[in-house]
Structure formats: structure tokens, C-alpha cells
Amino acid sequence: AELLATGDHGHHLLVQGTAPRTRLLEQFLREDSAVLLGTATFWEGVDIRGPALVVVAIDKLPFASPGDPLLQARLELVRRNGGDPLRDYQLPQAVLALRQGVGRLIRGQGDYGVVMICDPRLTGRGYGRTFLASLPPMPVVRSAEEACGFLSACEAAA
């Protein structure tokens, strides 16, 4: 948020924690050039349809914080029962969370958009394929030009 706030990009920056969630969502819907920055709490119960939301940017894969005592207890239980904590608990939970985040983008039949996942583990780790396979069928591109071209074509067709 601090980095984006210093740039001159022509977008109104709305940041979680600066106002109540409902007010941020109302502002986001009202303003054509707003950018909303929020954590996973915006991944649930948010239904923004149409051209107001065409990009969902995810900075990192949504693994739970390893310092969470409840998570540590669950992982220890998985270990004691002979399981692999990453494979048997953390990965399925993170995959479900990512699906919820991606699901914010396409809410209705006329919706379109780009999901940008910035975490290099998506392509650099073996479990990245599990994340990609869990998502709805969609093209996967690695260049900003292709993503922008897609958005431009969709806007022209709308």
C-alpha cells in the first residue's frame, strides 16, 4: 500500500484498515478507477459483478501463517497420525483458499477478468501444479502484454 500510494497512477487507492470494510466496498463500486487492497477477509462474502472488478492480484499463495498456534497443533496431530503436514493439511487448505480468492473475479455470466498470482512458488515448486489444477479452466499466461491484450479485447467486445 505504501509503495502504491507514492506512485502517480491515476487510481484512488482504498486500503483495508483505513475504513470499515463495507465503506471500502461501497467506494470501490462507486469509483471507476479505484484499487482495493485487502487481505483474505475480502475473499469471502464479496460479490462484485461486471466491469467494476476485472483484476484480482494475489501476492502470495494463501498458506496459513506457520506461527499460528492452532495450525501448529493441527500439523503436529497430522504428524502423530503418520501424515505429511504439507500434503495432508496445509496444501488442501491453501488450495481451497486460493479457489475462494479466484472466485471473487467471475460472479456472473458476463464477467471477465485476469487473476494475477505473483508467488513464484506457483511455477517453481511441484505443488504449484496442484494449485493450477484446482482452478477453473482458463488460459495461463506469463506476460503482462497477453493479460492486457485479453482485457482490452473483452472491453472492446462489451
N, C-alpha and C. Protein backbone atom coordinates (compact mmCIF):
# COMPACT_ATOMS: atom_id res chain seq x y z
N ALA A 1 0.83 -1.19 0.00
CA ALA A 1 0.00 0.00 0.00
C ALA A 1 0.87 1.25 0.00
N GLU A 2 1.93 1.23 0.81
CA GLU A 2 2.82 2.40 0.86
C GLU A 2 3.49 2.64 -0.47
N LEU A 3 3.92 1.59 -1.12
CA LEU A 3 4.58 1.71 -2.41
C LEU A 3 3.61 2.28 -3.46
N LEU A 4 2.41 1.75 -3.50
CA LEU A 4 1.42 2.23 -4.47
C LEU A 4 0.98 3.66 -4.17
N ALA A 5 0.93 4.02 -2.91
CA ALA A 5 0.50 5.37 -2.53
C ALA A 5 1.48 6.43 -3.01
N THR A 6 2.74 6.07 -3.22
CA THR A 6 3.74 7.04 -3.65
C THR A 6 3.72 7.27 -5.15
N GLY A 7 3.12 6.36 -5.90
CA GLY A 7 3.13 6.48 -7.36
C GLY A 7 2.01 7.37 -7.87
N ASP A 8 2.19 7.91 -9.07
CA ASP A 8 1.17 8.72 -9.72
C ASP A 8 0.55 7.86 -10.81
N HIS A 9 -0.42 7.04 -10.44
CA HIS A 9 -1.00 6.08 -11.37
C HIS A 9 -2.43 6.40 -11.75
N GLY A 10 -3.01 7.45 -11.19
CA GLY A 10 -4.36 7.85 -11.57
C GLY A 10 -5.48 7.02 -10.98
N HIS A 11 -5.18 6.21 -9.97
CA HIS A 11 -6.19 5.38 -9.33
C HIS A 11 -6.33 5.78 -7.87
N HIS A 12 -7.58 5.76 -7.40
CA HIS A 12 -7.81 6.01 -5.98
C HIS A 12 -7.52 4.72 -5.22
N LEU A 13 -6.64 4.78 -4.28
CA LEU A 13 -6.22 3.61 -3.52
C LEU A 13 -7.07 3.47 -2.26
N LEU A 14 -7.74 2.35 -2.13
CA LEU A 14 -8.55 2.02 -0.96
C LEU A 14 -7.84 0.88 -0.24
N VAL A 15 -7.52 1.07 1.03
CA VAL A 15 -6.70 0.11 1.75
C VAL A 15 -7.45 -0.41 2.97
N GLN A 16 -7.51 -1.73 3.09
CA GLN A 16 -8.15 -2.35 4.25
C GLN A 16 -7.53 -1.78 5.52
N GLY A 17 -8.38 -1.47 6.49
CA GLY A 17 -7.91 -0.94 7.76
C GLY A 17 -8.00 0.56 7.86
N THR A 18 -8.18 1.24 6.72
CA THR A 18 -8.30 2.70 6.74
C THR A 18 -9.75 3.14 6.89
N ALA A 19 -10.68 2.22 6.69
CA ALA A 19 -12.11 2.50 6.82
C ALA A 19 -12.81 1.16 7.01
N PRO A 20 -14.05 1.17 7.49
CA PRO A 20 -14.77 -0.10 7.61
C PRO A 20 -14.90 -0.81 6.26
N ARG A 21 -14.91 -2.10 6.32
CA ARG A 21 -14.96 -2.93 5.10
C ARG A 21 -16.12 -2.54 4.19
N THR A 22 -17.31 -2.34 4.76
CA THR A 22 -18.47 -2.01 3.93
C THR A 22 -18.28 -0.67 3.22
N ARG A 23 -17.68 0.30 3.90
CA ARG A 23 -17.45 1.59 3.26
C ARG A 23 -16.43 1.47 2.14
N LEU A 24 -15.38 0.68 2.35
CA LEU A 24 -14.39 0.47 1.30
C LEU A 24 -15.03 -0.18 0.06
N LEU A 25 -15.88 -1.16 0.29
CA LEU A 25 -16.54 -1.83 -0.84
C LEU A 25 -17.48 -0.88 -1.56
N GLU A 26 -18.21 -0.05 -0.82
CA GLU A 26 -19.10 0.93 -1.44
C GLU A 26 -18.31 1.91 -2.30
N GLN A 27 -17.20 2.41 -1.77
CA GLN A 27 -16.35 3.34 -2.53
C GLN A 27 -15.80 2.66 -3.78
N PHE A 28 -15.36 1.43 -3.63
CA PHE A 28 -14.80 0.69 -4.75
C PHE A 28 -15.82 0.57 -5.88
N LEU A 29 -17.07 0.30 -5.52
CA LEU A 29 -18.11 0.16 -6.53
C LEU A 29 -18.49 1.49 -7.16
N ARG A 30 -18.38 2.57 -6.41
CA ARG A 30 -18.77 3.90 -6.89
C ARG A 30 -17.73 4.52 -7.83
N GLU A 31 -16.48 4.24 -7.60
CA GLU A 31 -15.41 4.92 -8.32
C GLU A 31 -14.85 4.05 -9.45
N ASP A 32 -14.78 4.64 -10.63
CA ASP A 32 -14.33 3.88 -11.80
C ASP A 32 -12.87 3.45 -11.73
N SER A 33 -12.04 4.23 -11.09
CA SER A 33 -10.61 3.92 -11.13
C SER A 33 -10.04 3.55 -9.77
N ALA A 34 -10.87 2.97 -8.93
CA ALA A 34 -10.41 2.60 -7.59
C ALA A 34 -9.66 1.28 -7.60
N VAL A 35 -8.68 1.20 -6.71
CA VAL A 35 -7.94 -0.04 -6.47
C VAL A 35 -8.14 -0.37 -5.00
N LEU A 36 -8.59 -1.59 -4.73
CA LEU A 36 -8.85 -2.03 -3.37
C LEU A 36 -7.79 -3.02 -2.94
N LEU A 37 -7.08 -2.70 -1.86
CA LEU A 37 -6.07 -3.61 -1.31
C LEU A 37 -6.62 -4.20 -0.02
N GLY A 38 -6.68 -5.51 0.03
CA GLY A 38 -7.19 -6.16 1.23
C GLY A 38 -6.59 -7.54 1.39
N THR A 39 -6.79 -8.09 2.57
CA THR A 39 -6.30 -9.43 2.86
C THR A 39 -7.38 -10.45 2.53
N ALA A 40 -7.18 -11.65 2.97
CA ALA A 40 -8.11 -12.74 2.67
C ALA A 40 -9.52 -12.49 3.17
N THR A 41 -9.72 -11.55 4.08
CA THR A 41 -11.09 -11.29 4.54
C THR A 41 -11.96 -10.76 3.41
N PHE A 42 -11.36 -10.21 2.36
CA PHE A 42 -12.13 -9.77 1.21
C PHE A 42 -12.41 -10.92 0.24
N TRP A 43 -11.91 -12.11 0.52
CA TRP A 43 -12.13 -13.24 -0.35
C TRP A 43 -13.44 -13.95 -0.06
N GLU A 44 -14.09 -13.59 1.01
CA GLU A 44 -15.34 -14.25 1.37
C GLU A 44 -16.44 -13.21 1.50
N GLY A 45 -17.61 -13.53 0.95
CA GLY A 45 -18.76 -12.66 1.10
C GLY A 45 -18.70 -11.39 0.28
N VAL A 46 -17.82 -11.31 -0.71
CA VAL A 46 -17.73 -10.14 -1.57
C VAL A 46 -18.25 -10.55 -2.95
N ASP A 47 -19.28 -9.83 -3.42
CA ASP A 47 -19.90 -10.15 -4.70
C ASP A 47 -19.93 -8.90 -5.56
N ILE A 48 -18.89 -8.70 -6.35
CA ILE A 48 -18.79 -7.54 -7.23
C ILE A 48 -18.89 -8.05 -8.65
N ARG A 49 -19.96 -7.66 -9.31
CA ARG A 49 -20.20 -8.14 -10.68
C ARG A 49 -19.87 -7.06 -11.70
N GLY A 50 -19.61 -7.51 -12.92
CA GLY A 50 -19.42 -6.59 -14.02
C GLY A 50 -18.02 -5.99 -14.07
N PRO A 51 -17.90 -4.88 -14.81
CA PRO A 51 -16.58 -4.30 -15.08
C PRO A 51 -15.93 -3.60 -13.88
N ALA A 52 -16.61 -3.52 -12.75
CA ALA A 52 -16.00 -2.90 -11.57
C ALA A 52 -14.82 -3.73 -11.07
N LEU A 53 -14.84 -5.03 -11.32
CA LEU A 53 -13.75 -5.89 -10.87
C LEU A 53 -13.29 -6.75 -12.04
N VAL A 54 -12.13 -6.42 -12.59
CA VAL A 54 -11.59 -7.19 -13.72
C VAL A 54 -10.20 -7.73 -13.45
N VAL A 55 -9.59 -7.35 -12.33
CA VAL A 55 -8.28 -7.89 -11.96
C VAL A 55 -8.29 -8.25 -10.49
N VAL A 56 -7.90 -9.47 -10.20
CA VAL A 56 -7.65 -9.90 -8.82
C VAL A 56 -6.18 -10.24 -8.76
N ALA A 57 -5.44 -9.50 -7.95
CA ALA A 57 -4.00 -9.73 -7.81
C ALA A 57 -3.75 -10.40 -6.46
N ILE A 58 -3.06 -11.51 -6.50
CA ILE A 58 -2.76 -12.29 -5.30
C ILE A 58 -1.25 -12.30 -5.14
N ASP A 59 -0.76 -11.71 -4.06
CA ASP A 59 0.69 -11.56 -3.92
C ASP A 59 1.38 -12.86 -3.55
N LYS A 60 0.72 -13.72 -2.78
CA LYS A 60 1.35 -14.98 -2.41
C LYS A 60 0.29 -16.05 -2.22
N LEU A 61 0.70 -17.28 -2.39
CA LEU A 61 -0.22 -18.40 -2.18
C LEU A 61 -0.71 -18.37 -0.74
N PRO A 62 -1.99 -18.65 -0.52
CA PRO A 62 -2.59 -18.43 0.80
C PRO A 62 -2.37 -19.55 1.82
N PHE A 63 -1.13 -19.85 2.08
CA PHE A 63 -0.83 -20.79 3.16
C PHE A 63 -1.05 -20.07 4.48
N ALA A 64 -1.57 -20.79 5.45
CA ALA A 64 -1.78 -20.22 6.78
C ALA A 64 -0.44 -19.88 7.42
N SER A 65 -0.45 -18.91 8.30
CA SER A 65 0.77 -18.47 8.98
C SER A 65 1.35 -19.61 9.81
N PRO A 66 2.62 -19.96 9.59
CA PRO A 66 3.22 -21.07 10.34
C PRO A 66 3.36 -20.78 11.83
N GLY A 67 3.26 -19.52 12.22
CA GLY A 67 3.39 -19.17 13.63
C GLY A 67 2.08 -19.30 14.41
N ASP A 68 1.00 -19.63 13.74
CA ASP A 68 -0.30 -19.75 14.39
C ASP A 68 -0.31 -21.00 15.28
N PRO A 69 -0.55 -20.83 16.59
CA PRO A 69 -0.52 -21.99 17.50
C PRO A 69 -1.55 -23.07 17.15
N LEU A 70 -2.72 -22.66 16.67
CA LEU A 70 -3.73 -23.63 16.30
C LEU A 70 -3.26 -24.45 15.10
N LEU A 71 -2.65 -23.79 14.12
CA LEU A 71 -2.11 -24.50 12.97
C LEU A 71 -1.01 -25.46 13.42
N GLN A 72 -0.13 -25.01 14.29
CA GLN A 72 0.96 -25.87 14.76
C GLN A 72 0.41 -27.13 15.43
N ALA A 73 -0.66 -26.98 16.21
CA ALA A 73 -1.26 -28.13 16.88
C ALA A 73 -1.86 -29.10 15.85
N ARG A 74 -2.52 -28.55 14.85
CA ARG A 74 -3.11 -29.41 13.81
C ARG A 74 -2.03 -30.16 13.03
N LEU A 75 -0.94 -29.46 12.72
CA LEU A 75 0.15 -30.10 11.98
C LEU A 75 0.81 -31.19 12.81
N GLU A 76 0.94 -30.95 14.08
CA GLU A 76 1.51 -31.97 14.97
C GLU A 76 0.61 -33.20 15.03
N LEU A 77 -0.69 -33.00 15.05
CA LEU A 77 -1.64 -34.11 15.05
C LEU A 77 -1.51 -34.93 13.76
N VAL A 78 -1.38 -34.24 12.64
CA VAL A 78 -1.19 -34.93 11.35
C VAL A 78 0.08 -35.76 11.41
N ARG A 79 1.18 -35.18 11.94
CA ARG A 79 2.46 -35.91 12.06
C ARG A 79 2.30 -37.16 12.92
N ARG A 80 1.64 -36.98 14.08
CA ARG A 80 1.48 -38.12 15.01
C ARG A 80 0.66 -39.24 14.39
N ASN A 81 -0.23 -38.88 13.48
CA ASN A 81 -1.06 -39.89 12.82
C ASN A 81 -0.41 -40.44 11.56
N GLY A 82 0.87 -40.10 11.34
CA GLY A 82 1.62 -40.66 10.22
C GLY A 82 1.47 -39.91 8.91
N GLY A 83 0.86 -38.74 8.96
CA GLY A 83 0.66 -37.98 7.73
C GLY A 83 1.77 -36.98 7.47
N ASP A 84 1.68 -36.38 6.33
CA ASP A 84 2.61 -35.32 5.93
C ASP A 84 1.87 -33.99 6.09
N PRO A 85 2.30 -33.12 6.99
CA PRO A 85 1.57 -31.88 7.26
C PRO A 85 1.32 -31.02 6.02
N LEU A 86 2.32 -30.90 5.15
CA LEU A 86 2.13 -30.07 3.95
C LEU A 86 1.11 -30.70 3.02
N ARG A 87 1.34 -31.94 2.67
CA ARG A 87 0.47 -32.63 1.70
C ARG A 87 -0.94 -32.86 2.24
N ASP A 88 -1.04 -33.25 3.50
CA ASP A 88 -2.32 -33.68 4.04
C ASP A 88 -3.15 -32.57 4.68
N TYR A 89 -2.53 -31.45 5.02
CA TYR A 89 -3.31 -30.39 5.66
C TYR A 89 -3.08 -29.02 5.03
N GLN A 90 -1.83 -28.55 5.01
CA GLN A 90 -1.57 -27.18 4.56
C GLN A 90 -1.93 -26.96 3.09
N LEU A 91 -1.55 -27.88 2.23
CA LEU A 91 -1.82 -27.73 0.80
C LEU A 91 -3.32 -27.73 0.50
N PRO A 92 -4.09 -28.69 0.99
CA PRO A 92 -5.53 -28.64 0.71
C PRO A 92 -6.21 -27.37 1.23
N GLN A 93 -5.79 -26.90 2.40
CA GLN A 93 -6.38 -25.67 2.94
C GLN A 93 -6.02 -24.47 2.07
N ALA A 94 -4.78 -24.39 1.63
CA ALA A 94 -4.33 -23.27 0.80
C ALA A 94 -5.00 -23.31 -0.58
N VAL A 95 -5.17 -24.49 -1.13
CA VAL A 95 -5.83 -24.64 -2.43
C VAL A 95 -7.27 -24.15 -2.33
N LEU A 96 -7.96 -24.52 -1.29
CA LEU A 96 -9.33 -24.07 -1.08
C LEU A 96 -9.38 -22.54 -0.94
N ALA A 97 -8.46 -21.97 -0.21
CA ALA A 97 -8.42 -20.52 -0.03
C ALA A 97 -8.14 -19.81 -1.36
N LEU A 98 -7.24 -20.36 -2.16
CA LEU A 98 -6.96 -19.75 -3.46
C LEU A 98 -8.19 -19.79 -4.36
N ARG A 99 -8.89 -20.91 -4.36
CA ARG A 99 -10.12 -21.02 -5.15
C ARG A 99 -11.12 -19.96 -4.74
N GLN A 100 -11.22 -19.69 -3.43
CA GLN A 100 -12.13 -18.64 -2.96
C GLN A 100 -11.70 -17.28 -3.47
N GLY A 101 -10.40 -17.00 -3.44
CA GLY A 101 -9.90 -15.72 -3.92
C GLY A 101 -10.13 -15.54 -5.40
N VAL A 102 -9.86 -16.56 -6.18
CA VAL A 102 -10.08 -16.52 -7.63
C VAL A 102 -11.57 -16.37 -7.91
N GLY A 103 -12.39 -16.97 -7.09
CA GLY A 103 -13.84 -16.91 -7.27
C GLY A 103 -14.42 -15.52 -7.12
N ARG A 104 -13.67 -14.58 -6.58
CA ARG A 104 -14.16 -13.20 -6.48
C ARG A 104 -14.29 -12.57 -7.85
N LEU A 105 -13.55 -13.06 -8.84
CA LEU A 105 -13.49 -12.41 -10.14
C LEU A 105 -14.72 -12.67 -10.99
N ILE A 106 -15.09 -13.90 -11.16
CA ILE A 106 -16.19 -14.25 -12.06
C ILE A 106 -17.42 -14.57 -11.22
N ARG A 107 -18.34 -13.61 -11.14
CA ARG A 107 -19.54 -13.76 -10.32
C ARG A 107 -20.79 -13.96 -11.15
N GLY A 108 -20.75 -13.55 -12.41
CA GLY A 108 -21.92 -13.67 -13.28
C GLY A 108 -21.48 -14.06 -14.68
N GLN A 109 -22.46 -14.36 -15.52
CA GLN A 109 -22.18 -14.88 -16.85
C GLN A 109 -21.43 -13.89 -17.73
N GLY A 110 -21.64 -12.60 -17.56
CA GLY A 110 -20.97 -11.61 -18.39
C GLY A 110 -19.65 -11.12 -17.84
N ASP A 111 -19.21 -11.65 -16.72
CA ASP A 111 -17.97 -11.20 -16.09
C ASP A 111 -16.75 -11.76 -16.83
N TYR A 112 -15.68 -11.00 -16.77
CA TYR A 112 -14.40 -11.40 -17.35
C TYR A 112 -13.30 -10.80 -16.49
N GLY A 113 -12.09 -11.27 -16.68
CA GLY A 113 -11.01 -10.67 -15.93
C GLY A 113 -9.75 -11.50 -15.92
N VAL A 114 -8.79 -10.99 -15.17
CA VAL A 114 -7.47 -11.60 -15.06
C VAL A 114 -7.17 -11.82 -13.59
N VAL A 115 -6.71 -13.01 -13.27
CA VAL A 115 -6.19 -13.31 -11.94
C VAL A 115 -4.68 -13.30 -12.07
N MET A 116 -4.05 -12.44 -11.28
CA MET A 116 -2.59 -12.33 -11.32
C MET A 116 -2.06 -12.91 -10.01
N ILE A 117 -1.33 -14.01 -10.11
CA ILE A 117 -0.74 -14.64 -8.93
C ILE A 117 0.76 -14.39 -9.00
N CYS A 118 1.26 -13.65 -8.04
CA CYS A 118 2.66 -13.17 -8.07
C CYS A 118 3.65 -14.09 -7.36
N ASP A 119 3.19 -15.14 -6.75
CA ASP A 119 4.05 -16.02 -5.97
C ASP A 119 4.85 -16.95 -6.88
N PRO A 120 6.17 -16.86 -6.86
CA PRO A 120 6.98 -17.72 -7.74
C PRO A 120 6.85 -19.20 -7.42
N ARG A 121 6.33 -19.55 -6.26
CA ARG A 121 6.15 -20.97 -5.92
C ARG A 121 5.13 -21.63 -6.83
N LEU A 122 4.25 -20.84 -7.47
CA LEU A 122 3.24 -21.41 -8.35
C LEU A 122 3.88 -22.17 -9.51
N THR A 123 5.01 -21.67 -9.99
CA THR A 123 5.71 -22.36 -11.08
C THR A 123 7.03 -22.98 -10.63
N GLY A 124 7.53 -22.57 -9.47
CA GLY A 124 8.84 -23.04 -9.02
C GLY A 124 8.80 -24.24 -8.09
N ARG A 125 7.65 -24.59 -7.60
CA ARG A 125 7.51 -25.74 -6.69
C ARG A 125 6.57 -26.76 -7.31
N GLY A 126 6.78 -28.01 -7.00
CA GLY A 126 5.94 -29.07 -7.53
C GLY A 126 4.47 -28.91 -7.15
N TYR A 127 4.22 -28.39 -5.96
CA TYR A 127 2.83 -28.25 -5.54
C TYR A 127 2.11 -27.12 -6.28
N GLY A 128 2.83 -26.32 -7.04
CA GLY A 128 2.20 -25.28 -7.85
C GLY A 128 1.21 -25.86 -8.84
N ARG A 129 1.54 -27.05 -9.37
CA ARG A 129 0.63 -27.72 -10.31
C ARG A 129 -0.69 -28.07 -9.64
N THR A 130 -0.64 -28.40 -8.35
CA THR A 130 -1.87 -28.71 -7.62
C THR A 130 -2.77 -27.48 -7.55
N PHE A 131 -2.17 -26.32 -7.29
CA PHE A 131 -2.95 -25.08 -7.27
C PHE A 131 -3.58 -24.81 -8.62
N LEU A 132 -2.77 -24.89 -9.68
CA LEU A 132 -3.29 -24.61 -11.02
C LEU A 132 -4.39 -25.59 -11.43
N ALA A 133 -4.21 -26.86 -11.10
CA ALA A 133 -5.21 -27.87 -11.47
C ALA A 133 -6.52 -27.67 -10.73
N SER A 134 -6.48 -26.99 -9.59
CA SER A 134 -7.71 -26.80 -8.81
C SER A 134 -8.56 -25.65 -9.31
N LEU A 135 -8.01 -24.83 -10.18
CA LEU A 135 -8.72 -23.65 -10.66
C LEU A 135 -9.61 -23.98 -11.84
N PRO A 136 -10.64 -23.17 -12.07
CA PRO A 136 -11.48 -23.40 -13.26
C PRO A 136 -10.64 -23.31 -14.53
N PRO A 137 -11.08 -23.96 -15.60
CA PRO A 137 -10.31 -23.90 -16.85
C PRO A 137 -10.17 -22.45 -17.32
N MET A 138 -8.94 -22.04 -17.55
CA MET A 138 -8.65 -20.69 -18.04
C MET A 138 -7.26 -20.69 -18.62
N PRO A 139 -7.00 -19.80 -19.57
CA PRO A 139 -5.64 -19.72 -20.10
C PRO A 139 -4.68 -19.25 -19.02
N VAL A 140 -3.48 -19.78 -19.06
CA VAL A 140 -2.42 -19.34 -18.15
C VAL A 140 -1.38 -18.64 -19.01
N VAL A 141 -1.13 -17.38 -18.68
CA VAL A 141 -0.14 -16.61 -19.43
C VAL A 141 0.90 -16.09 -18.45
N ARG A 142 2.06 -15.77 -18.98
CA ARG A 142 3.14 -15.29 -18.12
C ARG A 142 3.60 -13.88 -18.48
N SER A 143 2.88 -13.23 -19.40
CA SER A 143 3.31 -11.89 -19.78
C SER A 143 2.18 -10.88 -19.55
N ALA A 144 2.58 -9.70 -19.14
CA ALA A 144 1.62 -8.62 -18.93
C ALA A 144 0.95 -8.23 -20.24
N GLU A 145 1.68 -8.31 -21.34
CA GLU A 145 1.13 -7.94 -22.64
C GLU A 145 -0.06 -8.84 -23.00
N GLU A 146 0.07 -10.13 -22.78
CA GLU A 146 -1.03 -11.05 -23.09
C GLU A 146 -2.24 -10.77 -22.20
N ALA A 147 -2.00 -10.54 -20.92
CA ALA A 147 -3.11 -10.26 -19.99
C ALA A 147 -3.80 -8.95 -20.37
N CYS A 148 -3.03 -7.92 -20.67
CA CYS A 148 -3.61 -6.63 -21.05
C CYS A 148 -4.35 -6.74 -22.38
N GLY A 149 -3.81 -7.52 -23.31
CA GLY A 149 -4.49 -7.75 -24.58
C GLY A 149 -5.83 -8.42 -24.38
N PHE A 150 -5.87 -9.38 -23.49
CA PHE A 150 -7.13 -10.07 -23.17
C PHE A 150 -8.14 -9.08 -22.62
N LEU A 151 -7.72 -8.26 -21.64
CA LEU A 151 -8.64 -7.29 -21.05
C LEU A 151 -9.13 -6.28 -22.09
N SER A 152 -8.23 -5.82 -22.93
CA SER A 152 -8.62 -4.86 -23.99
C SER A 152 -9.65 -5.47 -24.93
N ALA A 153 -9.44 -6.71 -25.32
CA ALA A 153 -10.39 -7.39 -26.22
C ALA A 153 -11.76 -7.55 -25.55
N CYS A 154 -11.77 -7.89 -24.27
CA CYS A 154 -13.03 -8.04 -23.55
C CYS A 154 -13.76 -6.72 -23.42
N GLU A 155 -13.01 -5.66 -23.12
CA GLU A 155 -13.63 -4.32 -23.00
C GLU A 155 -14.19 -3.86 -24.33
N ALA A 156 -13.48 -4.14 -25.41
CA ALA A 156 -13.96 -3.74 -26.74
C ALA A 156 -15.23 -4.49 -27.13
N ALA A 157 -15.32 -5.75 -26.69
CA ALA A 157 -16.49 -6.57 -27.02
C ALA A 157 -17.71 -6.23 -26.16
N ALA A 158 -17.46 -5.60 -25.01
CA ALA A 158 -18.56 -5.31 -24.07
C ALA A 158 -19.40 -4.12 -24.50
